[in-house]
PDB file of N, CA and C in Angstrom:
ATOM      1  N   MET A   1       0.123 -21.546  29.303  1.00  0.00           N
ATOM      2  CA  MET A   1       0.488 -21.850  30.671  1.00  0.00           C
ATOM      3  C   MET A   1      -0.667 -21.471  31.577  1.00  0.00           C
ATOM      4  N   GLN A   2      -1.037 -22.376  32.452  1.00  0.00           N
ATOM      5  CA  GLN A   2      -2.122 -22.111  33.379  1.00  0.00           C
ATOM      6  C   GLN A   2      -1.564 -21.958  34.789  1.00  0.00           C
ATOM      7  N   ILE A   3      -2.189 -21.073  35.547  1.00  0.00           N
ATOM      8  CA  ILE A   3      -1.792 -20.838  36.936  1.00  0.00           C
ATOM      9  C   ILE A   3      -2.961 -21.246  37.811  1.00  0.00           C
ATOM     10  N   SER A   4      -2.646 -21.999  38.842  1.00  0.00           N
ATOM     11  CA  SER A   4      -3.717 -22.464  39.722  1.00  0.00           C
ATOM     12  C   SER A   4      -4.230 -21.320  40.587  1.00  0.00           C
ATOM     13  N   LEU A   5      -5.410 -21.515  41.132  1.00  0.00           N
ATOM     14  CA  LEU A   5      -6.014 -20.523  42.010  1.00  0.00           C
ATOM     15  C   LEU A   5      -5.153 -20.308  43.249  1.00  0.00           C
ATOM     16  N   GLU A   6      -4.551 -21.363  43.734  1.00  0.00           N
ATOM     17  CA  GLU A   6      -3.686 -21.249  44.919  1.00  0.00           C
ATOM     18  C   GLU A   6      -2.463 -20.387  44.617  1.00  0.00           C
ATOM     19  N   GLU A   7      -1.886 -20.547  43.425  1.00  0.00           N
ATOM     20  CA  GLU A   7      -0.738 -19.722  43.040  1.00  0.00           C
ATOM     21  C   GLU A   7      -1.141 -18.247  42.946  1.00  0.00           C
ATOM     22  N   LEU A   8      -2.325 -17.982  42.417  1.00  0.00           N
ATOM     23  CA  LEU A   8      -2.817 -16.608  42.359  1.00  0.00           C
ATOM     24  C   LEU A   8      -2.973 -16.021  43.752  1.00  0.00           C
ATOM     25  N   ARG A   9      -3.476 -16.816  44.673  1.00  0.00           N
ATOM     26  CA  ARG A   9      -3.634 -16.332  46.057  1.00  0.00           C
ATOM     27  C   ARG A   9      -2.288 -16.013  46.681  1.00  0.00           C
ATOM     28  N   LYS A  10      -1.275 -16.834  46.412  1.00  0.00           N
ATOM     29  CA  LYS A  10       0.069 -16.592  46.958  1.00  0.00           C
ATOM     30  C   LYS A  10       0.631 -15.274  46.417  1.00  0.00           C
ATOM     31  N   VAL A  11       0.442 -15.055  45.120  1.00  0.00           N
ATOM     32  CA  VAL A  11       0.936 -13.819  44.512  1.00  0.00           C
ATOM     33  C   VAL A  11       0.208 -12.615  45.093  1.00  0.00           C
ATOM     34  N   ALA A  12      -1.104 -12.727  45.270  1.00  0.00           N
ATOM     35  CA  ALA A  12      -1.878 -11.627  45.835  1.00  0.00           C
ATOM     36  C   ALA A  12      -1.428 -11.324  47.264  1.00  0.00           C
ATOM     37  N   ARG A  13      -1.193 -12.360  48.070  1.00  0.00           N
ATOM     38  CA  ARG A  13      -0.720 -12.142  49.446  1.00  0.00           C
ATOM     39  C   ARG A  13       0.637 -11.458  49.450  1.00  0.00           C
ATOM     40  N   ALA A  14       1.551 -11.901  48.593  1.00  0.00           N
ATOM     41  CA  ALA A  14       2.880 -11.305  48.531  1.00  0.00           C
ATOM     42  C   ALA A  14       2.800  -9.845  48.091  1.00  0.00           C
ATOM     43  N   TYR A  15       1.928  -9.570  47.128  1.00  0.00           N
ATOM     44  CA  TYR A  15       1.765  -8.199  46.651  1.00  0.00           C
ATOM     45  C   TYR A  15       1.220  -7.304  47.756  1.00  0.00           C
ATOM     46  N   ARG A  16       0.194  -7.783  48.450  1.00  0.00           N
ATOM     47  CA  ARG A  16      -0.382  -6.986  49.550  1.00  0.00           C
ATOM     48  C   ARG A  16       0.635  -6.741  50.653  1.00  0.00           C
ATOM     49  N   ALA A  17       1.462  -7.726  50.949  1.00  0.00           N
ATOM     50  CA  ALA A  17       2.479  -7.577  51.993  1.00  0.00           C
ATOM     51  C   ALA A  17       3.476  -6.487  51.613  1.00  0.00           C
ATOM     52  N   GLN A  18       3.818  -6.396  50.347  1.00  0.00           N
ATOM     53  CA  GLN A  18       4.739  -5.351  49.892  1.00  0.00           C
ATOM     54  C   GLN A  18       4.101  -3.975  49.971  1.00  0.00           C
ATOM     55  N   GLN A  19       2.809  -3.899  49.684  1.00  0.00           N
ATOM     56  CA  GLN A  19       2.129  -2.617  49.614  1.00  0.00           C
ATOM     57  C   GLN A  19       1.868  -2.001  50.977  1.00  0.00           C
ATOM     58  N   THR A  20       1.644  -2.790  52.001  1.00  0.00           N
ATOM     59  CA  THR A  20       1.271  -2.238  53.299  1.00  0.00           C
ATOM     60  C   THR A  20       2.425  -1.518  53.980  1.00  0.00           C
ATOM     61  N   GLY A  21       3.663  -1.882  53.703  1.00  0.00           N
ATOM     62  CA  GLY A  21       4.797  -1.280  54.383  1.00  0.00           C
ATOM     63  C   GLY A  21       5.310  -0.016  53.724  1.00  0.00           C
ATOM     64  N   THR A  22       4.740   0.412  52.640  1.00  0.00           N
ATOM     65  CA  THR A  22       5.235   1.567  51.905  1.00  0.00           C
ATOM     66  C   THR A  22       4.713   2.866  52.519  1.00  0.00           C
ATOM     67  N   THR A  23       5.628   3.791  52.778  1.00  0.00           N
ATOM     68  CA  THR A  23       5.234   5.096  53.285  1.00  0.00           C
ATOM     69  C   THR A  23       5.625   6.151  52.257  1.00  0.00           C
ATOM     70  N   PRO A  24       4.835   7.191  52.103  1.00  0.00           N
ATOM     71  CA  PRO A  24       5.181   8.227  51.130  1.00  0.00           C
ATOM     72  C   PRO A  24       6.456   8.958  51.523  1.00  0.00           C
ATOM     73  N   LEU A  25       7.218   9.385  50.524  1.00  0.00           N
ATOM     74  CA  LEU A  25       8.469  10.091  50.785  1.00  0.00           C
ATOM     75  C   LEU A  25       8.239  11.519  51.251  1.00  0.00           C
ATOM     76  N   GLU A  26       7.139  12.106  50.886  1.00  0.00           N
ATOM     77  CA  GLU A  26       6.804  13.456  51.322  1.00  0.00           C
ATOM     78  C   GLU A  26       5.311  13.509  51.612  1.00  0.00           C
ATOM     79  N   PRO A  27       4.867  14.492  52.362  1.00  0.00           N
ATOM     80  CA  PRO A  27       3.448  14.532  52.714  1.00  0.00           C
ATOM     81  C   PRO A  27       2.563  14.710  51.480  1.00  0.00           C
ATOM     82  N   VAL A  28       1.477  14.017  51.488  1.00  0.00           N
ATOM     83  CA  VAL A  28       0.526  14.086  50.382  1.00  0.00           C
ATOM     84  C   VAL A  28      -0.509  15.156  50.717  1.00  0.00           C
ATOM     85  N   PRO A  29      -0.680  16.152  49.827  1.00  0.00           N
ATOM     86  CA  PRO A  29      -1.652  17.207  50.128  1.00  0.00           C
ATOM     87  C   PRO A  29      -3.084  16.674  50.042  1.00  0.00           C
ATOM     88  N   ALA A  30      -3.940  17.335  50.770  1.00  0.00           N
ATOM     89  CA  ALA A  30      -5.356  16.950  50.736  1.00  0.00           C
ATOM     90  C   ALA A  30      -5.904  17.237  49.341  1.00  0.00           C
ATOM     91  N   PRO A  31      -6.795  16.401  48.838  1.00  0.00           N
ATOM     92  CA  PRO A  31      -7.327  16.633  47.488  1.00  0.00           C
ATOM     93  C   PRO A  31      -8.162  17.901  47.427  1.00  0.00           C
ATOM     94  N   PHE A  32      -8.101  18.574  46.284  1.00  0.00           N
ATOM     95  CA  PHE A  32      -8.887  19.782  46.080  1.00  0.00           C
ATOM     96  C   PHE A  32     -10.322  19.382  45.764  1.00  0.00           C
ATOM     97  N   VAL A  33     -11.244  19.969  46.466  1.00  0.00           N
ATOM     98  CA  VAL A  33     -12.656  19.685  46.229  1.00  0.00           C
ATOM     99  C   VAL A  33     -13.342  21.003  45.888  1.00  0.00           C
ATOM    100  N   ALA A  34     -13.815  21.101  44.662  1.00  0.00           N
ATOM    101  CA  ALA A  34     -14.526  22.310  44.237  1.00  0.00           C
ATOM    102  C   ALA A  34     -15.957  22.239  44.746  1.00  0.00           C
ATOM    103  N   CYS A  35     -16.522  23.385  44.995  1.00  0.00           N
ATOM    104  CA  CYS A  35     -17.898  23.391  45.459  1.00  0.00           C
ATOM    105  C   CYS A  35     -18.810  22.921  44.338  1.00  0.00           C
ATOM    106  N   ASP A  36     -19.919  22.342  44.688  1.00  0.00           N
ATOM    107  CA  ASP A  36     -20.841  21.792  43.703  1.00  0.00           C
ATOM    108  C   ASP A  36     -21.347  22.851  42.735  1.00  0.00           C
ATOM    109  N   GLU A  37     -21.572  24.059  43.211  1.00  0.00           N
ATOM    110  CA  GLU A  37     -22.100  25.104  42.336  1.00  0.00           C
ATOM    111  C   GLU A  37     -21.099  25.459  41.241  1.00  0.00           C
ATOM    112  N   ALA A  38     -19.821  25.515  41.583  1.00  0.00           N
ATOM    113  CA  ALA A  38     -18.798  25.811  40.573  1.00  0.00           C
ATOM    114  C   ALA A  38     -18.741  24.694  39.533  1.00  0.00           C
ATOM    115  N   ASP A  39     -18.865  23.440  39.961  1.00  0.00           N
ATOM    116  CA  ASP A  39     -18.876  22.311  39.026  1.00  0.00           C
ATOM    117  C   ASP A  39     -20.079  22.393  38.095  1.00  0.00           C
ATOM    118  N   LYS A  40     -21.223  22.719  38.650  1.00  0.00           N
ATOM    119  CA  LYS A  40     -22.436  22.805  37.835  1.00  0.00           C
ATOM    120  C   LYS A  40     -22.323  23.935  36.809  1.00  0.00           C
ATOM    121  N   GLN A  41     -21.776  25.063  37.228  1.00  0.00           N
ATOM    122  CA  GLN A  41     -21.619  26.206  36.319  1.00  0.00           C
ATOM    123  C   GLN A  41     -20.661  25.848  35.186  1.00  0.00           C
ATOM    124  N   LEU A  42     -19.552  25.202  35.519  1.00  0.00           N
ATOM    125  CA  LEU A  42     -18.594  24.790  34.504  1.00  0.00           C
ATOM    126  C   LEU A  42     -19.237  23.800  33.529  1.00  0.00           C
ATOM    127  N   ALA A  43     -20.009  22.863  34.043  1.00  0.00           N
ATOM    128  CA  ALA A  43     -20.695  21.892  33.189  1.00  0.00           C
ATOM    129  C   ALA A  43     -21.675  22.590  32.257  1.00  0.00           C
ATOM    130  N   ARG A  44     -22.370  23.593  32.755  1.00  0.00           N
ATOM    131  CA  ARG A  44     -23.301  24.348  31.908  1.00  0.00           C
ATOM    132  C   ARG A  44     -22.566  25.071  30.783  1.00  0.00           C
ATOM    133  N   GLU A  45     -21.437  25.701  31.124  1.00  0.00           N
ATOM    134  CA  GLU A  45     -20.665  26.438  30.121  1.00  0.00           C
ATOM    135  C   GLU A  45     -20.133  25.491  29.041  1.00  0.00           C
ATOM    136  N   ILE A  46     -19.649  24.333  29.450  1.00  0.00           N
ATOM    137  CA  ILE A  46     -19.139  23.358  28.489  1.00  0.00           C
ATOM    138  C   ILE A  46     -20.271  22.845  27.608  1.00  0.00           C
ATOM    139  N   ALA A  47     -21.419  22.559  28.189  1.00  0.00           N
ATOM    140  CA  ALA A  47     -22.570  22.083  27.418  1.00  0.00           C
ATOM    141  C   ALA A  47     -23.009  23.132  26.398  1.00  0.00           C
ATOM    142  N   GLN A  48     -23.002  24.407  26.793  1.00  0.00           N
ATOM    143  CA  GLN A  48     -23.373  25.484  25.869  1.00  0.00           C
ATOM    144  C   GLN A  48     -22.392  25.560  24.710  1.00  0.00           C
ATOM    145  N   LEU A  49     -21.107  25.472  25.024  1.00  0.00           N
ATOM    146  CA  LEU A  49     -20.082  25.529  23.994  1.00  0.00           C
ATOM    147  C   LEU A  49     -20.230  24.367  23.017  1.00  0.00           C
ATOM    148  N   LEU A  50     -20.497  23.187  23.542  1.00  0.00           N
ATOM    149  CA  LEU A  50     -20.661  22.022  22.677  1.00  0.00           C
ATOM    150  C   LEU A  50     -21.915  22.135  21.813  1.00  0.00           C
ATOM    151  N   ASN A  51     -22.968  22.705  22.353  1.00  0.00           N
ATOM    152  CA  ASN A  51     -24.194  22.878  21.572  1.00  0.00           C
ATOM    153  C   ASN A  51     -23.999  23.872  20.435  1.00  0.00           C
ATOM    154  N   GLN A  52     -23.132  24.860  20.628  1.00  0.00           N
ATOM    155  CA  GLN A  52     -22.894  25.873  19.605  1.00  0.00           C
ATOM    156  C   GLN A  52     -21.935  25.382  18.519  1.00  0.00           C
ATOM    157  N   THR A  53     -21.175  24.337  18.802  1.00  0.00           N
ATOM    158  CA  THR A  53     -20.208  23.820  17.840  1.00  0.00           C
ATOM    159  C   THR A  53     -20.919  22.936  16.827  1.00  0.00           C
ATOM    160  N   PRO A  54     -20.782  23.229  15.546  1.00  0.00           N
ATOM    161  CA  PRO A  54     -21.462  22.398  14.549  1.00  0.00           C
ATOM    162  C   PRO A  54     -20.832  21.009  14.468  1.00  0.00           C
ATOM    163  N   ASP A  55     -21.666  20.020  14.162  1.00  0.00           N
ATOM    164  CA  ASP A  55     -21.173  18.654  14.012  1.00  0.00           C
ATOM    165  C   ASP A  55     -20.342  18.514  12.738  1.00  0.00           C
ATOM    166  N   ILE A  56     -20.710  19.282  11.708  1.00  0.00           N
ATOM    167  CA  ILE A  56     -20.041  19.197  10.416  1.00  0.00           C
ATOM    168  C   ILE A  56     -19.598  20.592  10.015  1.00  0.00           C
ATOM    169  N   ARG A  57     -18.360  20.705   9.604  1.00  0.00           N
ATOM    170  CA  ARG A  57     -17.873  21.985   9.092  1.00  0.00           C
ATOM    171  C   ARG A  57     -18.199  22.041   7.610  1.00  0.00           C
ATOM    172  N   GLN A  58     -19.250  22.777   7.279  1.00  0.00           N
ATOM    173  CA  GLN A  58     -19.765  22.824   5.912  1.00  0.00           C
ATOM    174  C   GLN A  58     -18.714  23.292   4.909  1.00  0.00           C
ATOM    175  N   GLU A  59     -17.863  24.251   5.307  1.00  0.00           N
ATOM    176  CA  GLU A  59     -16.869  24.757   4.358  1.00  0.00           C
ATOM    177  C   GLU A  59     -15.895  23.654   3.944  1.00  0.00           C
ATOM    178  N   ARG A  60     -15.549  22.749   4.873  1.00  0.00           N
ATOM    179  CA  ARG A  60     -14.657  21.628   4.537  1.00  0.00           C
ATOM    180  C   ARG A  60     -15.367  20.622   3.642  1.00  0.00           C
ATOM    181  N   VAL A  61     -16.643  20.404   3.906  1.00  0.00           N
ATOM    182  CA  VAL A  61     -17.420  19.477   3.077  1.00  0.00           C
ATOM    183  C   VAL A  61     -17.505  20.011   1.654  1.00  0.00           C
ATOM    184  N   GLN A  62     -17.710  21.321   1.493  1.00  0.00           N
ATOM    185  CA  GLN A  62     -17.808  21.919   0.170  1.00  0.00           C
ATOM    186  C   GLN A  62     -16.495  21.781  -0.602  1.00  0.00           C
ATOM    187  N   GLU A  63     -15.366  21.912   0.115  1.00  0.00           N
ATOM    188  CA  GLU A  63     -14.064  21.762  -0.540  1.00  0.00           C
ATOM    189  C   GLU A  63     -13.908  20.357  -1.121  1.00  0.00           C
ATOM    190  N   VAL A  64     -14.347  19.366  -0.402  1.00  0.00           N
ATOM    191  CA  VAL A  64     -14.180  17.977  -0.807  1.00  0.00           C
ATOM    192  C   VAL A  64     -15.246  17.557  -1.811  1.00  0.00           C
ATOM    193  N   SER A  65     -16.383  18.197  -1.792  1.00  0.00           N
ATOM    194  CA  SER A  65     -17.516  17.795  -2.623  1.00  0.00           C
ATOM    195  C   SER A  65     -17.432  18.276  -4.064  1.00  0.00           C
ATOM    196  N   THR A  66     -16.276  18.693  -4.529  1.00  0.00           N
ATOM    197  CA  THR A  66     -16.168  19.154  -5.908  1.00  0.00           C
ATOM    198  C   THR A  66     -16.130  17.951  -6.842  1.00  0.00           C
ATOM    199  N   GLU A  67     -15.905  18.206  -8.116  1.00  0.00           N
ATOM    200  CA  GLU A  67     -15.882  17.129  -9.100  1.00  0.00           C
ATOM    201  C   GLU A  67     -14.782  16.122  -8.778  1.00  0.00           C
ATOM    202  N   PRO A  68     -15.034  14.849  -9.021  1.00  0.00           N
ATOM    203  CA  PRO A  68     -13.993  13.846  -8.751  1.00  0.00           C
ATOM    204  C   PRO A  68     -12.814  14.014  -9.706  1.00  0.00           C
ATOM    205  N   LEU A  69     -11.632  13.701  -9.209  1.00  0.00           N
ATOM    206  CA  LEU A  69     -10.430  13.821 -10.033  1.00  0.00           C
ATOM    207  C   LEU A  69     -10.317  12.617 -10.959  1.00  0.00           C
ATOM    208  N   PRO A  70      -9.772  12.838 -12.158  1.00  0.00           N
ATOM    209  CA  PRO A  70      -9.546  11.706 -13.054  1.00  0.00           C
ATOM    210  C   PRO A  70      -8.487  10.761 -12.483  1.00  0.00           C
ATOM    211  N   ALA A  71      -8.576   9.499 -12.835  1.00  0.00           N
ATOM    212  CA  ALA A  71      -7.652   8.485 -12.316  1.00  0.00           C
ATOM    213  C   ALA A  71      -6.205   8.810 -12.679  1.00  0.00           C
ATOM    214  N   LYS A  72      -5.975   9.389 -13.852  1.00  0.00           N
ATOM    215  CA  LYS A  72      -4.613   9.728 -14.264  1.00  0.00           C
ATOM    216  C   LYS A  72      -3.995  10.769 -13.333  1.00  0.00           C
ATOM    217  N   VAL A  73      -4.780  11.726 -12.915  1.00  0.00           N
ATOM    218  CA  VAL A  73      -4.287  12.777 -12.017  1.00  0.00           C
ATOM    219  C   VAL A  73      -3.928  12.169 -10.664  1.00  0.00           C
ATOM    220  N   ILE A  74      -4.774  11.273 -10.169  1.00  0.00           N
ATOM    221  CA  ILE A  74      -4.518  10.619  -8.886  1.00  0.00           C
ATOM    222  C   ILE A  74      -3.259   9.765  -8.981  1.00  0.00           C
ATOM    223  N   ALA A  75      -3.132   8.989 -10.063  1.00  0.00           N
ATOM    224  CA  ALA A  75      -1.960   8.126 -10.243  1.00  0.00           C
ATOM    225  C   ALA A  75      -0.681   8.959 -10.325  1.00  0.00           C
ATOM    226  N   ALA A  76      -0.713  10.054 -11.057  1.00  0.00           N
ATOM    227  CA  ALA A  76       0.464  10.915 -11.174  1.00  0.00           C
ATOM    228  C   ALA A  76       0.837  11.511  -9.823  1.00  0.00           C
ATOM    229  N   SER A  77      -0.158  11.875  -9.068  1.00  0.00           N
ATOM    230  CA  SER A  77       0.089  12.425  -7.739  1.00  0.00           C
ATOM    231  C   SER A  77       0.748  11.392  -6.828  1.00  0.00           C
ATOM    232  N   ILE A  78       0.273  10.161  -6.892  1.00  0.00           N
ATOM    233  CA  ILE A  78       0.864   9.084  -6.083  1.00  0.00           C
ATOM    234  C   ILE A  78       2.310   8.856  -6.492  1.00  0.00           C
ATOM    235  N   MET A  79       2.576   8.827  -7.792  1.00  0.00           N
ATOM    236  CA  MET A  79       3.936   8.592  -8.267  1.00  0.00           C
ATOM    237  C   MET A  79       4.878   9.728  -7.863  1.00  0.00           C
ATOM    238  N   ARG A  80       4.396  10.969  -7.947  1.00  0.00           N
ATOM    239  CA  ARG A  80       5.219  12.096  -7.494  1.00  0.00           C
ATOM    240  C   ARG A  80       5.584  11.954  -6.027  1.00  0.00           C
ATOM    241  N   ARG A  81       4.614  11.528  -5.219  1.00  0.00           N
ATOM    242  CA  ARG A  81       4.860  11.370  -3.783  1.00  0.00           C
ATOM    243  C   ARG A  81       5.886  10.268  -3.527  1.00  0.00           C
ATOM    244  N   VAL A  82       5.775   9.150  -4.251  1.00  0.00           N
ATOM    245  CA  VAL A  82       6.731   8.037  -4.092  1.00  0.00           C
ATOM    246  C   VAL A  82       8.128   8.493  -4.480  1.00  0.00           C
ATOM    247  N   ILE A  83       8.243   9.188  -5.600  1.00  0.00           N
ATOM    248  CA  ILE A  83       9.560   9.670  -6.048  1.00  0.00           C
ATOM    249  C   ILE A  83      10.127  10.682  -5.053  1.00  0.00           C
ATOM    250  N   ALA A  84       9.298  11.584  -4.571  1.00  0.00           N
ATOM    251  CA  ALA A  84       9.762  12.575  -3.590  1.00  0.00           C
ATOM    252  C   ALA A  84      10.236  11.891  -2.311  1.00  0.00           C
ATOM    253  N   ASP A  85       9.519  10.866  -1.876  1.00  0.00           N
ATOM    254  CA  ASP A  85       9.920  10.140  -0.664  1.00  0.00           C
ATOM    255  C   ASP A  85      11.268   9.453  -0.866  1.00  0.00           C
ATOM    256  N   LYS A  86      11.478   8.844  -2.034  1.00  0.00           N
ATOM    257  CA  LYS A  86      12.748   8.159  -2.305  1.00  0.00           C
ATOM    258  C   LYS A  86      13.905   9.143  -2.399  1.00  0.00           C
ATOM    259  N   ILE A  87      13.660  10.310  -2.998  1.00  0.00           N
ATOM    260  CA  ILE A  87      14.719  11.305  -3.131  1.00  0.00           C
ATOM    261  C   ILE A  87      15.093  11.863  -1.759  1.00  0.00           C
ATOM    262  N   SER A  88      14.123  12.067  -0.895  1.00  0.00           N
ATOM    263  CA  SER A  88      14.392  12.698   0.403  1.00  0.00           C
ATOM    264  C   SER A  88      15.092  11.767   1.384  1.00  0.00           C
ATOM    265  N   ARG A  89      15.189  10.494   1.082  1.00  0.00           N
ATOM    266  CA  ARG A  89      15.862   9.555   2.010  1.00  0.00           C
ATOM    267  C   ARG A  89      17.325   9.623   1.919  1.00  0.00           C
TER     268      ARG A  89
END
């Protein structure tokens, strides 16, 4: 279905007309503005924390990097999981 440009303009006008008459139900507080120095300090602290965090957790890599499991062990594990799922339903 295609909509003409004129139809889009009509919808936009109707939408704008609805939006202009709306008043908030309660007063809206002024936005909080932090001083630039506090923002810069926070950015520095976050950057330092990110620089200290390793990209790779070596201990997790070592756990996974052991000898590969035989196919029979993997298949048995899958079958146990399927049976457990069926029993728990």
